[in-house]
Amino acid sequence: MCRSIVTLRGPTDASDEEVRAAALQFVRKVSGYRQPSQANRDAFEGAVDDISVSVRRLLTDISTTTRRSA
């Protein structure tokens, strides 16, 4: 989808800056705007904020270990 978005799950926690940068790239790709107009700035920034929170929750909640079922 967007080649500049990197995998954030790894042996070390992603920084808030890395999470926000990935969210920003996603919103840019989906909206088609690199820089939104003043009229759309609040919606654009709100989307980046919402996605950043969701990404952080995902990275916190997913299991990084493989569990085998017996």
C-alpha atoms as a PDB file:
ATOM      1  CA  MET A   1       0.000   0.000   0.000  1.00  0.00           C
ATOM      2  CA  CYS A   2       2.399   2.692   1.198  1.00  0.00           C
ATOM      3  CA  ARG A   3       6.012   1.699   0.915  1.00  0.00           C
ATOM      4  CA  SER A   4       7.294   4.363   3.298  1.00  0.00           C
ATOM      5  CA  ILE A   5       5.364   2.883   6.223  1.00  0.00           C
ATOM      6  CA  VAL A   6       7.728   0.616   8.119  1.00  0.00           C
ATOM      7  CA  THR A   7       6.970  -2.335  10.381  1.00  0.00           C
ATOM      8  CA  LEU A   8       6.801  -0.999  13.920  1.00  0.00           C
ATOM      9  CA  ARG A   9       6.569  -4.315  15.761  1.00  0.00           C
ATOM     10  CA  GLY A  10       9.983  -5.535  16.728  1.00  0.00           C
ATOM     11  CA  PRO A  11      12.320  -6.353  19.579  1.00  0.00           C
ATOM     12  CA  THR A  12      12.150  -2.756  20.849  1.00  0.00           C
ATOM     13  CA  ASP A  13       9.086  -0.604  21.322  1.00  0.00           C
ATOM     14  CA  ALA A  14       8.306   1.897  18.572  1.00  0.00           C
ATOM     15  CA  SER A  15       8.670   5.502  19.644  1.00  0.00           C
ATOM     16  CA  ASP A  16       5.717   7.884  19.632  1.00  0.00           C
ATOM     17  CA  GLU A  17       7.386   9.706  16.737  1.00  0.00           C
ATOM     18  CA  GLU A  18       7.586   6.492  14.695  1.00  0.00           C
ATOM     19  CA  VAL A  19       3.940   5.672  15.401  1.00  0.00           C
ATOM     20  CA  ARG A  20       2.811   9.177  14.447  1.00  0.00           C
ATOM     21  CA  ALA A  21       4.926   9.167  11.266  1.00  0.00           C
ATOM     22  CA  ALA A  22       3.324   5.894  10.156  1.00  0.00           C
ATOM     23  CA  ALA A  23      -0.148   7.244  10.944  1.00  0.00           C
ATOM     24  CA  LEU A  24       0.608  10.431   9.004  1.00  0.00           C
ATOM     25  CA  GLN A  25       1.752   8.455   5.957  1.00  0.00           C
ATOM     26  CA  PHE A  26      -1.389   6.347   6.119  1.00  0.00           C
ATOM     27  CA  VAL A  27      -3.684   9.396   6.306  1.00  0.00           C
ATOM     28  CA  ARG A  28      -1.796  11.064   3.449  1.00  0.00           C
ATOM     29  CA  LYS A  29      -2.223   7.966   1.304  1.00  0.00           C
ATOM     30  CA  VAL A  30      -5.909   7.480   2.098  1.00  0.00           C
ATOM     31  CA  SER A  31      -6.868  11.165   1.809  1.00  0.00           C
ATOM     32  CA  GLY A  32      -4.731  11.961  -1.210  1.00  0.00           C
ATOM     33  CA  TYR A  33      -3.421  15.074   0.533  1.00  0.00           C
ATOM     34  CA  ARG A  34       0.200  15.691   1.374  1.00  0.00           C
ATOM     35  CA  GLN A  35      -0.799  18.895   3.133  1.00  0.00           C
ATOM     36  CA  PRO A  36      -4.527  19.443   3.754  1.00  0.00           C
ATOM     37  CA  SER A  37      -6.153  22.812   3.185  1.00  0.00           C
ATOM     38  CA  GLN A  38      -6.892  24.944   6.236  1.00  0.00           C
ATOM     39  CA  ALA A  39     -10.537  23.846   5.967  1.00  0.00           C
ATOM     40  CA  ASN A  40      -9.521  20.177   6.234  1.00  0.00           C
ATOM     41  CA  ARG A  41      -6.651  20.498   8.697  1.00  0.00           C
ATOM     42  CA  ASP A  42      -8.665  19.578  11.809  1.00  0.00           C
ATOM     43  CA  ALA A  43     -10.126  16.461  10.171  1.00  0.00           C
ATOM     44  CA  PHE A  44      -6.703  15.450   8.843  1.00  0.00           C
ATOM     45  CA  GLU A  45      -4.902  15.928  12.181  1.00  0.00           C
ATOM     46  CA  GLY A  46      -7.763  14.248  14.051  1.00  0.00           C
ATOM     47  CA  ALA A  47      -7.432  11.202  11.818  1.00  0.00           C
ATOM     48  CA  VAL A  48      -3.662  11.070  12.420  1.00  0.00           C
ATOM     49  CA  ASP A  49      -4.264  11.277  16.180  1.00  0.00           C
ATOM     50  CA  ASP A  50      -6.939   8.549  16.117  1.00  0.00           C
ATOM     51  CA  ILE A  51      -4.795   6.202  14.042  1.00  0.00           C
ATOM     52  CA  SER A  52      -1.762   6.829  16.266  1.00  0.00           C
ATOM     53  CA  VAL A  53      -3.786   5.777  19.324  1.00  0.00           C
ATOM     54  CA  SER A  54      -5.074   2.669  17.521  1.00  0.00           C
ATOM     55  CA  VAL A  55      -1.593   1.686  16.365  1.00  0.00           C
ATOM     56  CA  ARG A  56      -0.141   2.106  19.850  1.00  0.00           C
ATOM     57  CA  ARG A  57      -2.964  -0.026  21.293  1.00  0.00           C
ATOM     58  CA  LEU A  58      -2.376  -2.696  18.642  1.00  0.00           C
ATOM     59  CA  LEU A  59       1.361  -2.798  19.299  1.00  0.00           C
ATOM     60  CA  THR A  60       0.728  -3.026  23.041  1.00  0.00           C
ATOM     61  CA  ASP A  61      -1.959  -5.704  22.811  1.00  0.00           C
ATOM     62  CA  ILE A  62      -0.580  -8.136  20.235  1.00  0.00           C
ATOM     63  CA  SER A  63       1.374 -11.094  21.460  1.00  0.00           C
ATOM     64  CA  THR A  64       4.966 -11.224  20.312  1.00  0.00           C
ATOM     65  CA  THR A  65       5.453 -14.828  21.306  1.00  0.00           C
ATOM     66  CA  THR A  66       4.207 -17.838  19.429  1.00  0.00           C
ATOM     67  CA  ARG A  67       1.812 -19.978  21.390  1.00  0.00           C
ATOM     68  CA  ARG A  68       1.234 -23.546  20.393  1.00  0.00           C
ATOM     69  CA  SER A  69      -2.061 -25.212  21.045  1.00  0.00           C
ATOM     70  CA  ALA A  70      -1.830 -28.578  22.729  1.00  0.00           C
END
